[in-house]
Amino acid sequence: MCSMYRWVSVPALSSSRTASTVTRRGNSNNNSTWSTSQQLGYDVLARLEDDASHIEWTPPSGGDPAIEYLLFARNGFARSVREAAADRDDLTLFDLEDVVGALHE
């Protein structure tokens, strides 16, 4: 597996109704537990942006990589996340209806 990827299990889409664990590959000290009954908050986006800032990779054409953020949530998104997505071109939000709808297309 290429070292530029960080695999994260998104708790909002986990099959557990109470909580699931987010694991960052390569460091078991970075585990967190989030409730899946709450909307996805801005803290999740901030953590993802922080993780992305540590990716050391240059596209084959050179320059800086274009980073886009895709967030998936079973129970929707906090207002702060929705507002951020409305103001940014690099952030896309998908709720459960989006995912189920795409599966049935």
Protein backbone atom coordinates (compact mmCIF):
# COMPACT_ATOMS: atom_id res chain seq x y z
CA MET A 1 0.00 0.00 0.00
CA CYS A 2 1.28 3.46 -0.87
CA SER A 3 2.24 5.56 2.15
CA MET A 4 0.36 8.63 0.92
CA TYR A 5 -3.00 7.21 2.03
CA ARG A 6 -4.55 7.43 5.48
CA TRP A 7 -7.42 5.03 5.89
CA VAL A 8 -10.16 6.25 8.20
CA SER A 9 -13.30 4.37 9.13
CA VAL A 10 -15.97 7.06 9.11
CA PRO A 11 -18.15 6.52 12.16
CA ALA A 12 -21.21 8.14 10.60
CA LEU A 13 -21.56 5.18 8.20
CA SER A 14 -20.65 2.41 10.61
CA SER A 15 -23.13 -0.37 11.25
CA SER A 16 -22.95 0.22 15.00
CA ARG A 17 -25.80 2.30 16.38
CA THR A 18 -23.93 3.39 19.49
CA ALA A 19 -20.35 4.18 18.56
CA SER A 20 -17.51 3.08 16.36
CA THR A 21 -13.79 3.64 16.42
CA VAL A 22 -11.81 5.75 14.00
CA THR A 23 -8.41 4.25 13.37
CA ARG A 24 -5.53 5.99 11.69
CA ARG A 25 -3.20 3.55 10.01
CA GLY A 26 0.18 3.25 11.64
CA ASN A 27 -0.53 4.78 15.03
CA SER A 28 -2.78 3.06 17.53
CA ASN A 29 -2.50 6.05 19.89
CA ASN A 30 -4.71 8.13 17.58
CA ASN A 31 -7.94 6.22 18.17
CA SER A 32 -11.12 8.14 18.92
CA THR A 33 -14.67 7.11 19.65
CA TRP A 34 -17.60 9.12 18.34
CA SER A 35 -21.32 8.67 18.71
CA THR A 36 -23.13 7.77 15.50
CA SER A 37 -26.40 9.26 16.75
CA GLN A 38 -25.10 12.82 16.43
CA GLN A 39 -24.51 14.98 13.41
CA LEU A 40 -20.96 15.12 12.10
CA GLY A 41 -19.31 18.20 13.60
CA TYR A 42 -16.66 20.64 12.46
CA ASP A 43 -14.09 18.85 14.64
CA VAL A 44 -14.15 15.92 12.21
CA LEU A 45 -13.43 18.23 9.26
CA ALA A 46 -10.66 19.97 11.19
CA ARG A 47 -9.04 16.63 12.04
CA LEU A 48 -9.25 15.52 8.40
CA GLU A 49 -7.66 18.78 7.23
CA ASP A 50 -4.88 18.35 9.78
CA ASP A 51 -4.25 14.78 8.60
CA ALA A 52 -4.19 15.92 4.96
CA SER A 53 -1.56 18.53 5.77
CA HIS A 54 0.83 15.69 6.70
CA ILE A 55 0.58 13.89 3.35
CA GLU A 56 3.92 14.10 1.60
CA TRP A 57 3.24 13.61 -2.08
CA THR A 58 3.86 15.54 -5.27
CA PRO A 59 1.71 14.92 -8.35
CA PRO A 60 3.57 13.52 -11.38
CA SER A 61 3.09 16.88 -13.11
CA GLY A 62 4.75 18.67 -10.17
CA GLY A 63 3.45 21.37 -7.90
CA ASP A 64 1.16 20.98 -4.92
CA PRO A 65 -1.55 18.29 -4.86
CA ALA A 66 -5.16 19.40 -5.20
CA ILE A 67 -6.89 18.19 -2.04
CA GLU A 68 -10.63 17.66 -1.92
CA TYR A 69 -12.58 16.61 1.14
CA LEU A 70 -15.57 14.28 0.97
CA LEU A 71 -17.47 13.74 4.20
CA PHE A 72 -20.12 11.06 4.69
CA ALA A 73 -22.57 11.09 7.60
CA ARG A 74 -25.50 8.91 8.54
CA ASN A 75 -27.18 11.57 10.67
CA GLY A 76 -26.31 14.68 8.72
CA PHE A 77 -23.92 17.52 9.41
CA ALA A 78 -23.68 20.26 12.00
CA ARG A 79 -24.57 23.73 10.72
CA SER A 80 -20.91 24.79 10.87
CA VAL A 81 -19.95 21.99 8.47
CA ARG A 82 -22.83 22.78 6.10
CA GLU A 83 -21.83 26.45 6.09
CA ALA A 84 -18.20 25.54 5.37
CA ALA A 85 -19.29 23.34 2.45
CA ALA A 86 -21.42 26.17 1.04
CA ASP A 87 -18.39 28.49 1.08
CA ARG A 88 -15.80 26.05 -0.29
CA ASP A 89 -15.24 24.26 -3.59
CA ASP A 90 -13.02 21.58 -2.03
CA LEU A 91 -15.59 20.19 0.44
CA THR A 92 -18.48 17.93 -0.52
CA LEU A 93 -20.98 16.43 1.94
CA PHE A 94 -22.90 13.17 1.50
CA ASP A 95 -25.66 12.05 3.81
CA LEU A 96 -27.29 8.64 4.00
CA GLU A 97 -29.87 9.52 1.35
CA ASP A 98 -27.10 10.49 -1.09
CA VAL A 99 -25.32 7.18 -0.58
CA VAL A 100 -28.47 5.03 -0.82
CA GLY A 101 -29.65 6.99 -3.87
CA ALA A 102 -26.33 6.43 -5.63
CA LEU A 103 -26.55 2.70 -4.95
CA HIS A 104 -29.93 2.53 -6.65
CA GLU A 105 -28.95 4.47 -9.79
